[in-house]
């Protein structure tokens, strides 16, 4: 079964003094995580996203829609990237999600992908 592991973190951790170094370190840890998935034979895909400030959100209200700049919710944590992994069950997906590097505070949302077949 496929699971999407959505990475929610505080983008401000990468700003200011030491931000670039922290980003490089975190990306290195993500590369190691991806290598671990590959070594375990787990099919995966994933991408890093541009900062939340580049997002455009479309909100619907009973057939009407409005465009908003930025992320869909008022929050400190933004969706920064994701992995889609193919594993046997939720427990396995959670075990892998716990290994995703997040400096400081954040969250990983684990959600099954709907099989469209």
PDB file of N, CA and C in Angstrom:
ATOM      1  N   UNK A   1       0.846  -1.185   0.000  1.00  0.00           N
ATOM      2  CA  UNK A   1       0.000   0.000   0.000  1.00  0.00           C
ATOM      3  C   UNK A   1       0.889   1.245   0.000  1.00  0.00           C
ATOM      4  N   UNK A   2       0.435   2.266  -0.680  1.00  0.00           N
ATOM      5  CA  UNK A   2       1.197   3.513  -0.707  1.00  0.00           C
ATOM      6  C   UNK A   2       0.755   4.428   0.424  1.00  0.00           C
ATOM      7  N   UNK A   3       1.737   5.108   1.013  1.00  0.00           N
ATOM      8  CA  UNK A   3       1.490   6.106   2.046  1.00  0.00           C
ATOM      9  C   UNK A   3       2.245   7.378   1.671  1.00  0.00           C
ATOM     10  N   UNK A   4       1.599   8.519   1.884  1.00  0.00           N
ATOM     11  CA  UNK A   4       2.259   9.798   1.676  1.00  0.00           C
ATOM     12  C   UNK A   4       2.723  10.297   3.039  1.00  0.00           C
ATOM     13  N   UNK A   5       3.994  10.656   3.125  1.00  0.00           N
ATOM     14  CA  UNK A   5       4.585  11.191   4.344  1.00  0.00           C
ATOM     15  C   UNK A   5       4.818  12.678   4.102  1.00  0.00           C
ATOM     16  N   UNK A   6       3.921  13.514   4.640  1.00  0.00           N
ATOM     17  CA  UNK A   6       3.978  14.954   4.398  1.00  0.00           C
ATOM     18  C   UNK A   6       4.780  15.629   5.512  1.00  0.00           C
ATOM     19  N   UNK A   7       5.768  16.404   5.119  1.00  0.00           N
ATOM     20  CA  UNK A   7       6.703  17.024   6.055  1.00  0.00           C
ATOM     21  C   UNK A   7       6.259  18.450   6.338  1.00  0.00           C
ATOM     22  N   UNK A   8       5.831  18.695   7.564  1.00  0.00           N
ATOM     23  CA  UNK A   8       5.423  20.030   7.997  1.00  0.00           C
ATOM     24  C   UNK A   8       6.497  20.548   8.952  1.00  0.00           C
ATOM     25  N   UNK A   9       7.092  21.679   8.627  1.00  0.00           N
ATOM     26  CA  UNK A   9       8.139  22.238   9.473  1.00  0.00           C
ATOM     27  C   UNK A   9       8.121  23.754   9.417  1.00  0.00           C
ATOM     28  N   UNK A  10       8.834  24.359  10.340  1.00  0.00           N
ATOM     29  CA  UNK A  10       8.932  25.804  10.427  1.00  0.00           C
ATOM     30  C   UNK A  10      10.039  26.274   9.482  1.00  0.00           C
ATOM     31  N   UNK A  11       9.654  26.921   8.379  1.00  0.00           N
ATOM     32  CA  UNK A  11      10.632  27.379   7.386  1.00  0.00           C
ATOM     33  C   UNK A  11      11.626  28.380   7.950  1.00  0.00           C
ATOM     34  N   UNK A  12      11.250  29.094   9.015  1.00  0.00           N
ATOM     35  CA  UNK A  12      12.145  30.116   9.562  1.00  0.00           C
ATOM     36  C   UNK A  12      13.414  29.507  10.158  1.00  0.00           C
ATOM     37  N   UNK A  13      13.424  28.209  10.394  1.00  0.00           N
ATOM     38  CA  UNK A  13      14.626  27.548  10.909  1.00  0.00           C
ATOM     39  C   UNK A  13      15.795  27.688   9.940  1.00  0.00           C
ATOM     40  N   UNK A  14      15.491  27.879   8.669  1.00  0.00           N
ATOM     41  CA  UNK A  14      16.535  27.967   7.644  1.00  0.00           C
ATOM     42  C   UNK A  14      16.929  29.403   7.311  1.00  0.00           C
ATOM     43  N   UNK A  15      16.370  30.367   8.023  1.00  0.00           N
ATOM     44  CA  UNK A  15      16.685  31.775   7.782  1.00  0.00           C
ATOM     45  C   UNK A  15      17.782  32.229   8.753  1.00  0.00           C
ATOM     46  N   UNK A  16      18.379  33.351   8.432  1.00  0.00           N
ATOM     47  CA  UNK A  16      19.343  33.965   9.342  1.00  0.00           C
ATOM     48  C   UNK A  16      20.665  33.229   9.405  1.00  0.00           C
ATOM     49  N   UNK A  17      21.435  33.570  10.428  1.00  0.00           N
ATOM     50  CA  UNK A  17      22.769  32.997  10.608  1.00  0.00           C
ATOM     51  C   UNK A  17      22.673  31.488  10.787  1.00  0.00           C
ATOM     52  N   UNK A  18      23.433  30.793  10.018  1.00  0.00           N
ATOM     53  CA  UNK A  18      23.450  29.338  10.113  1.00  0.00           C
ATOM     54  C   UNK A  18      22.352  28.647   9.324  1.00  0.00           C
ATOM     55  N   UNK A  19      21.459  29.399   8.725  1.00  0.00           N
ATOM     56  CA  UNK A  19      20.347  28.813   7.981  1.00  0.00           C
ATOM     57  C   UNK A  19      20.780  27.976   6.788  1.00  0.00           C
ATOM     58  N   UNK A  20      21.750  28.507   6.027  1.00  0.00           N
ATOM     59  CA  UNK A  20      22.233  27.768   4.858  1.00  0.00           C
ATOM     60  C   UNK A  20      22.907  26.473   5.264  1.00  0.00           C
ATOM     61  N   UNK A  21      23.690  26.531   6.321  1.00  0.00           N
ATOM     62  CA  UNK A  21      24.370  25.319   6.797  1.00  0.00           C
ATOM     63  C   UNK A  21      23.359  24.300   7.300  1.00  0.00           C
ATOM     64  N   UNK A  22      22.339  24.764   8.004  1.00  0.00           N
ATOM     65  CA  UNK A  22      21.298  23.861   8.500  1.00  0.00           C
ATOM     66  C   UNK A  22      20.553  23.226   7.330  1.00  0.00           C
ATOM     67  N   UNK A  23      20.268  24.002   6.294  1.00  0.00           N
ATOM     68  CA  UNK A  23      19.589  23.456   5.111  1.00  0.00           C
ATOM     69  C   UNK A  23      20.449  22.384   4.453  1.00  0.00           C
ATOM     70  N   UNK A  24      21.727  22.657   4.272  1.00  0.00           N
ATOM     71  CA  UNK A  24      22.624  21.685   3.645  1.00  0.00           C
ATOM     72  C   UNK A  24      22.694  20.404   4.482  1.00  0.00           C
ATOM     73  N   UNK A  25      22.774  20.556   5.793  1.00  0.00           N
ATOM     74  CA  UNK A  25      22.815  19.393   6.686  1.00  0.00           C
ATOM     75  C   UNK A  25      21.513  18.590   6.592  1.00  0.00           C
ATOM     76  N   UNK A  26      20.387  19.282   6.576  1.00  0.00           N
ATOM     77  CA  UNK A  26      19.087  18.613   6.506  1.00  0.00           C
ATOM     78  C   UNK A  26      18.911  17.900   5.175  1.00  0.00           C
ATOM     79  N   UNK A  27      19.320  18.536   4.088  1.00  0.00           N
ATOM     80  CA  UNK A  27      19.226  17.895   2.770  1.00  0.00           C
ATOM     81  C   UNK A  27      20.095  16.637   2.744  1.00  0.00           C
ATOM     82  N   UNK A  28      21.274  16.702   3.328  1.00  0.00           N
ATOM     83  CA  UNK A  28      22.135  15.525   3.418  1.00  0.00           C
ATOM     84  C   UNK A  28      21.449  14.384   4.162  1.00  0.00           C
ATOM     85  N   UNK A  29      20.746  14.720   5.225  1.00  0.00           N
ATOM     86  CA  UNK A  29      20.017  13.700   5.987  1.00  0.00           C
ATOM     87  C   UNK A  29      18.855  13.125   5.179  1.00  0.00           C
ATOM     88  N   UNK A  30      18.210  13.966   4.369  1.00  0.00           N
ATOM     89  CA  UNK A  30      17.147  13.468   3.505  1.00  0.00           C
ATOM     90  C   UNK A  30      17.711  12.526   2.442  1.00  0.00           C
ATOM     91  N   UNK A  31      18.870  12.840   1.906  1.00  0.00           N
ATOM     92  CA  UNK A  31      19.498  11.969   0.918  1.00  0.00           C
ATOM     93  C   UNK A  31      19.825  10.609   1.554  1.00  0.00           C
ATOM     94  N   UNK A  32      20.318  10.629   2.791  1.00  0.00           N
ATOM     95  CA  UNK A  32      20.611   9.384   3.498  1.00  0.00           C
ATOM     96  C   UNK A  32      19.330   8.591   3.767  1.00  0.00           C
ATOM     97  N   UNK A  33      18.251   9.298   4.109  1.00  0.00           N
ATOM     98  CA  UNK A  33      16.962   8.642   4.330  1.00  0.00           C
ATOM     99  C   UNK A  33      16.490   7.957   3.051  1.00  0.00           C
ATOM    100  N   UNK A  34      16.587   8.649   1.924  1.00  0.00           N
ATOM    101  CA  UNK A  34      16.184   8.075   0.636  1.00  0.00           C
ATOM    102  C   UNK A  34      17.031   6.853   0.297  1.00  0.00           C
ATOM    103  N   UNK A  35      18.331   6.907   0.607  1.00  0.00           N
ATOM    104  CA  UNK A  35      19.209   5.758   0.376  1.00  0.00           C
ATOM    105  C   UNK A  35      18.792   4.579   1.249  1.00  0.00           C
ATOM    106  N   UNK A  36      18.382   4.853   2.496  1.00  0.00           N
ATOM    107  CA  UNK A  36      17.924   3.792   3.390  1.00  0.00           C
ATOM    108  C   UNK A  36      16.676   3.114   2.843  1.00  0.00           C
ATOM    109  N   UNK A  37      15.750   3.921   2.312  1.00  0.00           N
ATOM    110  CA  UNK A  37      14.546   3.349   1.690  1.00  0.00           C
ATOM    111  C   UNK A  37      14.929   2.444   0.520  1.00  0.00           C
ATOM    112  N   UNK A  38      15.838   2.917  -0.326  1.00  0.00           N
ATOM    113  CA  UNK A  38      16.263   2.141  -1.495  1.00  0.00           C
ATOM    114  C   UNK A  38      16.932   0.837  -1.074  1.00  0.00           C
ATOM    115  N   UNK A  39      17.807   0.901  -0.073  1.00  0.00           N
ATOM    116  CA  UNK A  39      18.491  -0.309   0.416  1.00  0.00           C
ATOM    117  C   UNK A  39      17.507  -1.313   0.988  1.00  0.00           C
ATOM    118  N   UNK A  40      16.399  -0.819   1.557  1.00  0.00           N
ATOM    119  CA  UNK A  40      15.377  -1.698   2.122  1.00  0.00           C
ATOM    120  C   UNK A  40      14.421  -2.216   1.043  1.00  0.00           C
ATOM    121  N   UNK A  41      14.613  -1.782  -0.208  1.00  0.00           N
ATOM    122  CA  UNK A  41      13.774  -2.231  -1.308  1.00  0.00           C
ATOM    123  C   UNK A  41      12.396  -1.594  -1.329  1.00  0.00           C
ATOM    124  N   UNK A  42      12.269  -0.422  -0.708  1.00  0.00           N
ATOM    125  CA  UNK A  42      10.978   0.260  -0.639  1.00  0.00           C
ATOM    126  C   UNK A  42      10.875   1.255  -1.783  1.00  0.00           C
ATOM    127  N   UNK A  43       9.858   1.056  -2.628  1.00  0.00           N
ATOM    128  CA  UNK A  43       9.618   1.984  -3.740  1.00  0.00           C
ATOM    129  C   UNK A  43       9.175   3.322  -3.162  1.00  0.00           C
ATOM    130  N   UNK A  44       9.742   4.394  -3.671  1.00  0.00           N
ATOM    131  CA  UNK A  44       9.402   5.721  -3.157  1.00  0.00           C
ATOM    132  C   UNK A  44       9.540   6.773  -4.220  1.00  0.00           C
ATOM    133  N   UNK A  45       8.884   7.904  -3.968  1.00  0.00           N
ATOM    134  CA  UNK A  45       9.097   9.119  -4.741  1.00  0.00           C
ATOM    135  C   UNK A  45       8.940  10.262  -3.747  1.00  0.00           C
ATOM    136  N   UNK A  46       9.348  11.443  -4.133  1.00  0.00           N
ATOM    137  CA  UNK A  46       9.210  12.583  -3.238  1.00  0.00           C
ATOM    138  C   UNK A  46       9.828  13.816  -3.844  1.00  0.00           C
ATOM    139  N   UNK A  47       9.488  14.952  -3.261  1.00  0.00           N
ATOM    140  CA  UNK A  47      10.027  16.220  -3.733  1.00  0.00           C
ATOM    141  C   UNK A  47      10.070  17.226  -2.600  1.00  0.00           C
ATOM    142  N   UNK A  48      11.014  18.135  -2.722  1.00  0.00           N
ATOM    143  CA  UNK A  48      11.072  19.307  -1.852  1.00  0.00           C
ATOM    144  C   UNK A  48      10.208  20.371  -2.517  1.00  0.00           C
ATOM    145  N   UNK A  49       9.516  21.147  -1.728  1.00  0.00           N
ATOM    146  CA  UNK A  49       8.661  22.205  -2.268  1.00  0.00           C
ATOM    147  C   UNK A  49       9.307  23.576  -2.067  1.00  0.00           C
ATOM    148  N   UNK A  50       8.945  24.539  -2.901  1.00  0.00           N
ATOM    149  CA  UNK A  50       9.376  25.921  -2.699  1.00  0.00           C
ATOM    150  C   UNK A  50       8.724  26.434  -1.412  1.00  0.00           C
ATOM    151  N   UNK A  51       9.237  27.528  -0.831  1.00  0.00           N
ATOM    152  CA  UNK A  51       8.666  28.056   0.417  1.00  0.00           C
ATOM    153  C   UNK A  51       7.171  28.339   0.310  1.00  0.00           C
ATOM    154  N   UNK A  52       6.499  28.289   1.450  1.00  0.00           N
ATOM    155  CA  UNK A  52       5.044  28.466   1.501  1.00  0.00           C
ATOM    156  C   UNK A  52       4.607  29.803   0.917  1.00  0.00           C
ATOM    157  N   UNK A  53       5.453  30.819   0.992  1.00  0.00           N
ATOM    158  CA  UNK A  53       5.115  32.125   0.449  1.00  0.00           C
ATOM    159  C   UNK A  53       4.910  32.128  -1.053  1.00  0.00           C
ATOM    160  N   UNK A  54       5.345  31.072  -1.742  1.00  0.00           N
ATOM    161  CA  UNK A  54       5.157  30.990  -3.191  1.00  0.00           C
ATOM    162  C   UNK A  54       3.844  30.296  -3.557  1.00  0.00           C
ATOM    163  N   UNK A  55       3.117  29.815  -2.547  1.00  0.00           N
ATOM    164  CA  UNK A  55       1.872  29.060  -2.799  1.00  0.00           C
ATOM    165  C   UNK A  55       0.723  29.991  -3.160  1.00  0.00           C
ATOM    166  N   UNK A  56      -0.201  29.462  -3.914  1.00  0.00           N
ATOM    167  CA  UNK A  56      -1.490  30.099  -4.170  1.00  0.00           C
ATOM    168  C   UNK A  56      -2.545  29.082  -3.773  1.00  0.00           C
ATOM    169  N   UNK A  57      -3.495  29.508  -2.965  1.00  0.00           N
ATOM    170  CA  UNK A  57      -4.554  28.620  -2.505  1.00  0.00           C
ATOM    171  C   UNK A  57      -5.873  29.070  -3.103  1.00  0.00           C
ATOM    172  N   UNK A  58      -6.650  28.112  -3.577  1.00  0.00           N
ATOM    173  CA  UNK A  58      -7.993  28.380  -4.090  1.00  0.00           C
ATOM    174  C   UNK A  58      -8.977  27.863  -3.051  1.00  0.00           C
ATOM    175  N   UNK A  59      -9.808  28.737  -2.524  1.00  0.00           N
ATOM    176  CA  UNK A  59     -10.820  28.342  -1.547  1.00  0.00           C
ATOM    177  C   UNK A  59     -12.184  28.352  -2.213  1.00  0.00           C
ATOM    178  N   UNK A  60     -12.942  27.277  -2.000  1.00  0.00           N
ATOM    179  CA  UNK A  60     -14.297  27.161  -2.524  1.00  0.00           C
ATOM    180  C   UNK A  60     -15.284  27.406  -1.400  1.00  0.00           C
ATOM    181  N   UNK A  61     -16.372  28.081  -1.739  1.00  0.00           N
ATOM    182  CA  UNK A  61     -17.449  28.316  -0.787  1.00  0.00           C
ATOM    183  C   UNK A  61     -18.763  28.188  -1.554  1.00  0.00           C
ATOM    184  N   UNK A  62     -19.348  26.994  -1.526  1.00  0.00           N
ATOM    185  CA  UNK A  62     -20.624  26.722  -2.189  1.00  0.00           C
ATOM    186  C   UNK A  62     -20.599  27.150  -3.657  1.00  0.00           C
ATOM    187  N   UNK A  63     -19.584  26.697  -4.381  1.00  0.00           N
ATOM    188  CA  UNK A  63     -19.508  26.962  -5.810  1.00  0.00           C
ATOM    189  C   UNK A  63     -18.724  28.202  -6.198  1.00  0.00           C
ATOM    190  N   UNK A  64     -18.526  29.113  -5.298  1.00  0.00           N
ATOM    191  CA  UNK A  64     -17.718  30.312  -5.563  1.00  0.00           C
ATOM    192  C   UNK A  64     -16.291  30.026  -5.110  1.00  0.00           C
ATOM    193  N   UNK A  65     -15.337  30.657  -5.767  1.00  0.00           N
ATOM    194  CA  UNK A  65     -13.957  30.461  -5.343  1.00  0.00           C
ATOM    195  C   UNK A  65     -13.217  31.800  -5.267  1.00  0.00           C
ATOM    196  N   UNK A  66     -12.203  31.802  -4.434  1.00  0.00           N
ATOM    197  CA  UNK A  66     -11.347  32.978  -4.271  1.00  0.00           C
ATOM    198  C   UNK A  66      -9.895  32.518  -4.205  1.00  0.00           C
ATOM    199  N   UNK A  67      -8.992  33.316  -4.745  1.00  0.00           N
ATOM    200  CA  UNK A  67      -7.560  33.019  -4.709  1.00  0.00           C
ATOM    201  C   UNK A  67      -6.915  33.739  -3.539  1.00  0.00           C
ATOM    202  N   UNK A  68      -5.992  33.039  -2.879  1.00  0.00           N
ATOM    203  CA  UNK A  68      -5.251  33.605  -1.752  1.00  0.00           C
ATOM    204  C   UNK A  68      -3.773  33.299  -1.957  1.00  0.00           C
ATOM    205  N   UNK A  69      -2.931  34.261  -1.686  1.00  0.00           N
ATOM    206  CA  UNK A  69      -1.493  34.021  -1.720  1.00  0.00           C
ATOM    207  C   UNK A  69      -1.089  33.312  -0.438  1.00  0.00           C
ATOM    208  N   UNK A  70      -0.132  32.395  -0.564  1.00  0.00           N
ATOM    209  CA  UNK A  70       0.398  31.717   0.607  1.00  0.00           C
ATOM    210  C   UNK A  70      -0.295  30.403   0.906  1.00  0.00           C
ATOM    211  N   UNK A  71       0.102  29.802   2.023  1.00  0.00           N
ATOM    212  CA  UNK A  71      -0.424  28.482   2.377  1.00  0.00           C
ATOM    213  C   UNK A  71      -1.894  28.552   2.767  1.00  0.00           C
ATOM    214  N   UNK A  72      -2.517  27.393   2.859  1.00  0.00           N
ATOM    215  CA  UNK A  72      -3.956  27.321   3.083  1.00  0.00           C
ATOM    216  C   UNK A  72      -4.377  27.610   4.510  1.00  0.00           C
ATOM    217  N   UNK A  73      -3.464  27.603   5.461  1.00  0.00           N
ATOM    218  CA  UNK A  73      -3.850  27.789   6.864  1.00  0.00           C
ATOM    219  C   UNK A  73      -2.883  28.736   7.561  1.00  0.00           C
ATOM    220  N   UNK A  74      -3.361  29.378   8.596  1.00  0.00           N
ATOM    221  CA  UNK A  74      -2.494  30.210   9.430  1.00  0.00           C
ATOM    222  C   UNK A  74      -1.773  29.293  10.390  1.00  0.00           C
ATOM    223  N   UNK A  75      -0.502  29.063  10.157  1.00  0.00           N
ATOM    224  CA  UNK A  75       0.266  28.144  10.977  1.00  0.00           C
ATOM    225  C   UNK A  75       1.742  28.506  10.890  1.00  0.00           C
ATOM    226  N   UNK A  76       2.502  28.072  11.869  1.00  0.00           N
ATOM    227  CA  UNK A  76       3.950  28.274  11.844  1.00  0.00           C
ATOM    228  C   UNK A  76       4.600  27.220  10.958  1.00  0.00           C
ATOM    229  N   UNK A  77       4.008  26.036  10.914  1.00  0.00           N
ATOM    230  CA  UNK A  77       4.568  24.941  10.137  1.00  0.00           C
ATOM    231  C   UNK A  77       3.946  24.914   8.743  1.00  0.00           C
ATOM    232  N   UNK A  78       4.801  24.791   7.737  1.00  0.00           N
ATOM    233  CA  UNK A  78       4.344  24.730   6.355  1.00  0.00           C
ATOM    234  C   UNK A  78       4.683  23.361   5.776  1.00  0.00           C
ATOM    235  N   UNK A  79       3.950  22.966   4.743  1.00  0.00           N
ATOM    236  CA  UNK A  79       4.270  21.739   4.032  1.00  0.00           C
ATOM    237  C   UNK A  79       5.524  22.009   3.224  1.00  0.00           C
ATOM    238  N   UNK A  80       6.610  21.339   3.578  1.00  0.00           N
ATOM    239  CA  UNK A  80       7.894  21.603   2.936  1.00  0.00           C
ATOM    240  C   UNK A  80       8.288  20.577   1.897  1.00  0.00           C
ATOM    241  N   UNK A  81       7.662  19.413   1.958  1.00  0.00           N
ATOM    242  CA  UNK A  81       7.988  18.354   1.015  1.00  0.00           C
ATOM    243  C   UNK A  81       7.241  17.094   1.391  1.00  0.00           C
ATOM    244  N   UNK A  82       7.498  16.028   0.650  1.00  0.00           N
ATOM    245  CA  UNK A  82       6.787  14.791   0.912  1.00  0.00           C
ATOM    246  C   UNK A  82       7.554  13.609   0.327  1.00  0.00           C
ATOM    247  N   UNK A  83       7.225  12.448   0.844  1.00  0.00           N
ATOM    248  CA  UNK A  83       7.649  11.179   0.275  1.00  0.00           C
ATOM    249  C   UNK A  83       6.386  10.363   0.043  1.00  0.00           C
ATOM    250  N   UNK A  84       6.374   9.570  -0.997  1.00  0.00           N
ATOM    251  CA  UNK A  84       5.350   8.553  -1.179  1.00  0.00           C
ATOM    252  C   UNK A  84       6.096   7.228  -1.161  1.00  0.00           C
ATOM    253  N   UNK A  85       5.725   6.372  -0.202  1.00  0.00           N
ATOM    254  CA  UNK A  85       6.396   5.085  -0.066  1.00  0.00           C
ATOM    255  C   UNK A  85       5.382   3.963  -0.234  1.00  0.00           C
ATOM    256  N   UNK A  86       5.850   2.829  -0.704  1.00  0.00           N
ATOM    257  CA  UNK A  86       5.003   1.658  -0.886  1.00  0.00           C
ATOM    258  C   UNK A  86       5.455   0.606   0.115  1.00  0.00           C
ATOM    259  N   UNK A  87       4.687   0.432   1.188  1.00  0.00           N
ATOM    260  CA  UNK A  87       5.022  -0.509   2.256  1.00  0.00           C
ATOM    261  C   UNK A  87       3.793  -1.349   2.598  1.00  0.00           C
ATOM    262  N   UNK A  88       3.993  -2.357   3.429  1.00  0.00           N
ATOM    263  CA  UNK A  88       2.942  -3.327   3.733  1.00  0.00           C
ATOM    264  C   UNK A  88       1.787  -2.754   4.537  1.00  0.00           C
ATOM    265  N   UNK A  89       2.096  -1.849   5.484  1.00  0.00           N
ATOM    266  CA  UNK A  89       1.025  -1.408   6.385  1.00  0.00           C
ATOM    267  C   UNK A  89       1.374  -0.074   7.046  1.00  0.00           C
ATOM    268  N   UNK A  90       0.401   0.455   7.791  1.00  0.00           N
ATOM    269  CA  UNK A  90       0.562   1.748   8.459  1.00  0.00           C
ATOM    270  C   UNK A  90       1.707   1.734   9.465  1.00  0.00           C
ATOM    271  N   UNK A  91       1.855   0.666  10.213  1.00  0.00           N
ATOM    272  CA  UNK A  91       2.941   0.602  11.205  1.00  0.00           C
ATOM    273  C   UNK A  91       4.304   0.754  10.546  1.00  0.00           C
ATOM    274  N   UNK A  92       4.477   0.125   9.393  1.00  0.00           N
ATOM    275  CA  UNK A  92       5.751   0.246   8.668  1.00  0.00           C
ATOM    276  C   UNK A  92       5.936   1.668   8.159  1.00  0.00           C
ATOM    277  N   UNK A  93       4.865   2.276   7.644  1.00  0.00           N
ATOM    278  CA  UNK A  93       4.947   3.659   7.166  1.00  0.00           C
ATOM    279  C   UNK A  93       5.322   4.599   8.307  1.00  0.00           C
ATOM    280  N   UNK A  94       4.737   4.391   9.475  1.00  0.00           N
ATOM    281  CA  UNK A  94       5.048   5.230  10.641  1.00  0.00           C
ATOM    282  C   UNK A  94       6.502   5.052  11.059  1.00  0.00           C
ATOM    283  N   UNK A  95       6.978   3.821  11.042  1.00  0.00           N
ATOM    284  CA  UNK A  95       8.378   3.569  11.414  1.00  0.00           C
ATOM    285  C   UNK A  95       9.332   4.331  10.502  1.00  0.00           C
ATOM    286  N   UNK A  96       9.042   4.358   9.204  1.00  0.00           N
ATOM    287  CA  UNK A  96       9.886   5.120   8.273  1.00  0.00           C
ATOM    288  C   UNK A  96       9.711   6.628   8.483  1.00  0.00           C
ATOM    289  N   UNK A  97       8.485   7.066   8.711  1.00  0.00           N
ATOM    290  CA  UNK A  97       8.222   8.495   8.893  1.00  0.00           C
ATOM    291  C   UNK A  97       8.986   9.054  10.085  1.00  0.00           C
ATOM    292  N   UNK A  98       9.156   8.256  11.128  1.00  0.00           N
ATOM    293  CA  UNK A  98       9.889   8.698  12.321  1.00  0.00           C
ATOM    294  C   UNK A  98      11.360   8.976  12.030  1.00  0.00           C
ATOM    295  N   UNK A  99      11.858   8.503  10.891  1.00  0.00           N
ATOM    296  CA  UNK A  99      13.267   8.702  10.530  1.00  0.00           C
ATOM    297  C   UNK A  99      13.495   9.942   9.678  1.00  0.00           C
ATOM    298  N   UNK A 100      12.434  10.620   9.272  1.00  0.00           N
ATOM    299  CA  UNK A 100      12.582  11.804   8.425  1.00  0.00           C
ATOM    300  C   UNK A 100      13.161  12.948   9.253  1.00  0.00           C
ATOM    301  N   UNK A 101      14.232  13.590   8.774  1.00  0.00           N
ATOM    302  CA  UNK A 101      14.864  14.658   9.553  1.00  0.00           C
ATOM    303  C   UNK A 101      14.063  15.959   9.533  1.00  0.00           C
ATOM    304  N   UNK A 102      13.824  16.483  10.724  1.00  0.00           N
ATOM    305  CA  UNK A 102      13.207  17.803  10.876  1.00  0.00           C
ATOM    306  C   UNK A 102      13.995  18.535  11.965  1.00  0.00           C
ATOM    307  N   UNK A 103      14.699  19.612  11.607  1.00  0.00           N
ATOM    308  CA  UNK A 103      15.395  20.372  12.640  1.00  0.00           C
ATOM    309  C   UNK A 103      14.386  21.207  13.427  1.00  0.00           C
ATOM    310  N   UNK A 104      14.477  21.218  14.719  1.00  0.00           N
ATOM    311  CA  UNK A 104      13.538  22.004  15.521  1.00  0.00           C
ATOM    312  C   UNK A 104      12.190  21.326  15.602  1.00  0.00           C
ATOM    313  N   UNK A 105      11.128  22.118  15.537  1.00  0.00           N
ATOM    314  CA  UNK A 105       9.774  21.595  15.654  1.00  0.00           C
ATOM    315  C   UNK A 105       9.186  21.281  14.284  1.00  0.00           C
ATOM    316  N   UNK A 106       8.232  20.351  14.272  1.00  0.00           N
ATOM    317  CA  UNK A 106       7.566  20.011  13.031  1.00  0.00           C
ATOM    318  C   UNK A 106       6.703  18.785  13.214  1.00  0.00           C
ATOM    319  N   UNK A 107       6.203  18.262  12.116  1.00  0.00           N
ATOM    320  CA  UNK A 107       5.343  17.092  12.150  1.00  0.00           C
ATOM    321  C   UNK A 107       5.433  16.362  10.818  1.00  0.00           C
ATOM    322  N   UNK A 108       5.176  15.075  10.853  1.00  0.00           N
ATOM    323  CA  UNK A 108       5.043  14.277   9.646  1.00  0.00           C
ATOM    324  C   UNK A 108       3.629  13.721   9.650  1.00  0.00           C
ATOM    325  N   UNK A 109       2.863  14.040   8.628  1.00  0.00           N
ATOM    326  CA  UNK A 109       1.533  13.474   8.482  1.00  0.00           C
ATOM    327  C   UNK A 109       1.653  12.238   7.594  1.00  0.00           C
ATOM    328  N   UNK A 110       1.163  11.111   8.090  1.00  0.00           N
ATOM    329  CA  UNK A 110       1.187   9.850   7.347  1.00  0.00           C
ATOM    330  C   UNK A 110      -0.240   9.562   6.893  1.00  0.00           C
ATOM    331  N   UNK A 111      -0.428   9.455   5.585  1.00  0.00           N
ATOM    332  CA  UNK A 111      -1.783   9.249   5.076  1.00  0.00           C
ATOM    333  C   UNK A 111      -1.765   8.238   3.935  1.00  0.00           C
ATOM    334  N   UNK A 112      -2.677   7.252   3.961  1.00  0.00           N
ATOM    335  CA  UNK A 112      -2.750   6.302   2.857  1.00  0.00           C
ATOM    336  C   UNK A 112      -3.136   7.004   1.555  1.00  0.00           C
ATOM    337  N   UNK A 113      -2.566   6.538   0.459  1.00  0.00           N
ATOM    338  CA  UNK A 113      -2.908   7.055  -0.860  1.00  0.00           C
ATOM    339  C   UNK A 113      -4.066   6.215  -1.385  1.00  0.00           C
ATOM    340  N   UNK A 114      -5.086   6.871  -1.905  1.00  0.00           N
ATOM    341  CA  UNK A 114      -6.258   6.188  -2.432  1.00  0.00           C
ATOM    342  C   UNK A 114      -5.889   5.479  -3.721  1.00  0.00           C
ATOM    343  N   UNK A 115      -6.135   4.180  -3.774  1.00  0.00           N
ATOM    344  CA  UNK A 115      -5.874   3.393  -4.968  1.00  0.00           C
ATOM    345  C   UNK A 115      -6.977   3.668  -5.976  1.00  0.00           C
ATOM    346  N   UNK A 116      -6.642   4.250  -7.114  1.00  0.00           N
ATOM    347  CA  UNK A 116      -7.638   4.655  -8.100  1.00  0.00           C
ATOM    348  C   UNK A 116      -7.998   3.529  -9.082  1.00  0.00           C
ATOM    349  N   UNK A 117      -7.394   2.355  -8.914  1.00  0.00           N
ATOM    350  CA  UNK A 117      -7.687   1.256  -9.834  1.00  0.00           C
ATOM    351  C   UNK A 117      -8.873   0.451  -9.384  1.00  0.00           C
TER     352      UNK A 117
END
